[in-house]
Amino acid sequence: PALDVLWDTLRPGVRRTGGALTDEWGEIGFQGKDPCTDFRGMGRLALLQLTHMCSVKNEEARGLLTFMSEPYIPFAATGINVT
C-alpha cells in the first residue's frame, strides 16, 4: 500500500508498532491516527504525488521532515496542501 511506502521512505528501518490506525503517523506529519483523513480534498492523487516526491527527492524530503519537527509543522499535511 502507498501509505506504507511513504512511511518506509521517510522512516527507513522504523516499524510502526501501533498498526494501521496509530498516533505514530504524526511522526511524518499526519494530523491524526488515520492518515486517510488528511487526504480529504485531493485523495489518492495527493498520496501518489507525496510518495513520488519523497522517493525521488528522499534526502531532501527527510531533511524537511527533520527541519519541520521543531517547531512542529506537519510535513505530510503540508505536502498534501502544496499539491
C-alpha atoms as a PDB file:
ATOM      1  CA  PRO A   1       0.000   0.000   0.000  1.00  0.00           C
ATOM      2  CA  ALA A   2       1.115   3.522  -0.827  1.00  0.00           C
ATOM      3  CA  LEU A   3       0.908   4.741   2.784  1.00  0.00           C
ATOM      4  CA  ASP A   4       3.341   2.016   3.852  1.00  0.00           C
ATOM      5  CA  VAL A   5       5.689   3.026   1.019  1.00  0.00           C
ATOM      6  CA  LEU A   6       5.515   6.638   2.195  1.00  0.00           C
ATOM      7  CA  TRP A   7       6.281   5.579   5.787  1.00  0.00           C
ATOM      8  CA  ASP A   8       9.219   3.396   4.705  1.00  0.00           C
ATOM      9  CA  THR A   9      10.582   6.171   2.501  1.00  0.00           C
ATOM     10  CA  LEU A  10      10.563   8.756   5.282  1.00  0.00           C
ATOM     11  CA  ARG A  11      11.319   6.461   8.233  1.00  0.00           C
ATOM     12  CA  PRO A  12      13.529   3.684   6.832  1.00  0.00           C
ATOM     13  CA  GLY A  13      14.104   0.896   9.307  1.00  0.00           C
ATOM     14  CA  VAL A  14      11.447   2.206  11.712  1.00  0.00           C
ATOM     15  CA  ARG A  15       8.476  -0.074  12.089  1.00  0.00           C
ATOM     16  CA  ARG A  16       5.091   1.241  13.174  1.00  0.00           C
ATOM     17  CA  THR A  17       4.019  -0.719  16.223  1.00  0.00           C
ATOM     18  CA  GLY A  18       0.508   0.670  16.516  1.00  0.00           C
ATOM     19  CA  GLY A  19      -0.938  -0.890  13.364  1.00  0.00           C
ATOM     20  CA  ALA A  20      -2.773   0.955  10.615  1.00  0.00           C
ATOM     21  CA  LEU A  21      -4.514   3.469  12.900  1.00  0.00           C
ATOM     22  CA  THR A  22      -1.925   4.907  15.251  1.00  0.00           C
ATOM     23  CA  ASP A  23      -0.559   8.174  16.591  1.00  0.00           C
ATOM     24  CA  GLU A  24       2.765   7.196  15.011  1.00  0.00           C
ATOM     25  CA  TRP A  25       1.550   8.716  11.730  1.00  0.00           C
ATOM     26  CA  GLY A  26       2.177  12.068  13.416  1.00  0.00           C
ATOM     27  CA  GLU A  27       5.911  11.343  13.180  1.00  0.00           C
ATOM     28  CA  ILE A  28       5.746  12.026   9.450  1.00  0.00           C
ATOM     29  CA  GLY A  29       3.285  14.873   9.711  1.00  0.00           C
ATOM     30  CA  PHE A  30      -0.212  13.460   9.564  1.00  0.00           C
ATOM     31  CA  GLN A  31      -2.691  15.131  11.885  1.00  0.00           C
ATOM     32  CA  GLY A  32      -4.365  12.119  13.469  1.00  0.00           C
ATOM     33  CA  LYS A  33      -4.401   8.356  13.906  1.00  0.00           C
ATOM     34  CA  ASP A  34      -5.876   7.784  10.438  1.00  0.00           C
ATOM     35  CA  PRO A  35      -3.776   9.420   7.710  1.00  0.00           C
ATOM     36  CA  CYS A  36      -6.595   8.961   5.199  1.00  0.00           C
ATOM     37  CA  THR A  37      -8.481  11.844   6.801  1.00  0.00           C
ATOM     38  CA  ASP A  38      -5.724  14.247   5.700  1.00  0.00           C
ATOM     39  CA  PHE A  39      -6.380  13.407   2.044  1.00  0.00           C
ATOM     40  CA  ARG A  40      -9.984  14.695   2.035  1.00  0.00           C
ATOM     41  CA  GLY A  41      -9.754  17.092  -0.896  1.00  0.00           C
ATOM     42  CA  MET A  42      -7.009  15.599  -3.045  1.00  0.00           C
ATOM     43  CA  GLY A  43      -7.437  11.899  -2.342  1.00  0.00           C
ATOM     44  CA  ARG A  44      -5.171   9.345  -3.984  1.00  0.00           C
ATOM     45  CA  LEU A  45      -3.543  11.913  -6.270  1.00  0.00           C
ATOM     46  CA  ALA A  46      -2.037  13.722  -3.274  1.00  0.00           C
ATOM     47  CA  LEU A  47      -0.791  10.440  -1.801  1.00  0.00           C
ATOM     48  CA  LEU A  48       0.841   9.459  -5.093  1.00  0.00           C
ATOM     49  CA  GLN A  49       2.462  12.878  -5.524  1.00  0.00           C
ATOM     50  CA  LEU A  50       3.719  12.993  -1.937  1.00  0.00           C
ATOM     51  CA  THR A  51       5.091   9.447  -2.188  1.00  0.00           C
ATOM     52  CA  HIS A  52       6.749  10.247  -5.528  1.00  0.00           C
ATOM     53  CA  MET A  53       8.387  13.414  -4.198  1.00  0.00           C
ATOM     54  CA  CYS A  54       9.646  11.605  -1.086  1.00  0.00           C
ATOM     55  CA  SER A  55      11.022   8.746  -3.193  1.00  0.00           C
ATOM     56  CA  VAL A  56      12.695  10.849  -5.891  1.00  0.00           C
ATOM     57  CA  LYS A  57      13.998  13.536  -3.530  1.00  0.00           C
ATOM     58  CA  ASN A  58      14.420  11.303  -0.482  1.00  0.00           C
ATOM     59  CA  GLU A  59      17.349  13.094   1.136  1.00  0.00           C
ATOM     60  CA  GLU A  60      15.635  16.456   0.763  1.00  0.00           C
ATOM     61  CA  ALA A  61      12.293  15.104   1.998  1.00  0.00           C
ATOM     62  CA  ARG A  62      13.863  13.543   5.079  1.00  0.00           C
ATOM     63  CA  GLY A  63      15.748  16.783   5.719  1.00  0.00           C
ATOM     64  CA  LEU A  64      12.495  18.748   5.521  1.00  0.00           C
ATOM     65  CA  LEU A  65      10.813  16.269   7.861  1.00  0.00           C
ATOM     66  CA  THR A  66      13.557  16.879  10.426  1.00  0.00           C
ATOM     67  CA  PHE A  67      13.531  20.649   9.864  1.00  0.00           C
ATOM     68  CA  MET A  68       9.761  20.837  10.290  1.00  0.00           C
ATOM     69  CA  SER A  69       9.783  18.909  13.563  1.00  0.00           C
ATOM     70  CA  GLU A  70      10.770  21.904  15.732  1.00  0.00           C
ATOM     71  CA  PRO A  71       8.580  23.892  15.890  1.00  0.00           C
ATOM     72  CA  TYR A  72       6.163  21.229  14.753  1.00  0.00           C
ATOM     73  CA  ILE A  73       4.848  21.788  11.238  1.00  0.00           C
ATOM     74  CA  PRO A  74       3.033  18.709   9.899  1.00  0.00           C
ATOM     75  CA  PHE A  75       5.166  17.581   6.936  1.00  0.00           C
ATOM     76  CA  ALA A  76       2.625  15.253   5.281  1.00  0.00           C
ATOM     77  CA  ALA A  77      -0.329  17.599   5.733  1.00  0.00           C
ATOM     78  CA  THR A  78       1.720  20.486   4.349  1.00  0.00           C
ATOM     79  CA  GLY A  79       2.823  18.389   1.369  1.00  0.00           C
ATOM     80  CA  ILE A  80      -0.790  17.494   0.625  1.00  0.00           C
ATOM     81  CA  ASN A  81      -1.833  21.152   0.708  1.00  0.00           C
ATOM     82  CA  VAL A  82       1.012  22.172  -1.609  1.00  0.00           C
ATOM     83  CA  THR A  83      -0.254  19.563  -4.069  1.00  0.00           C
END
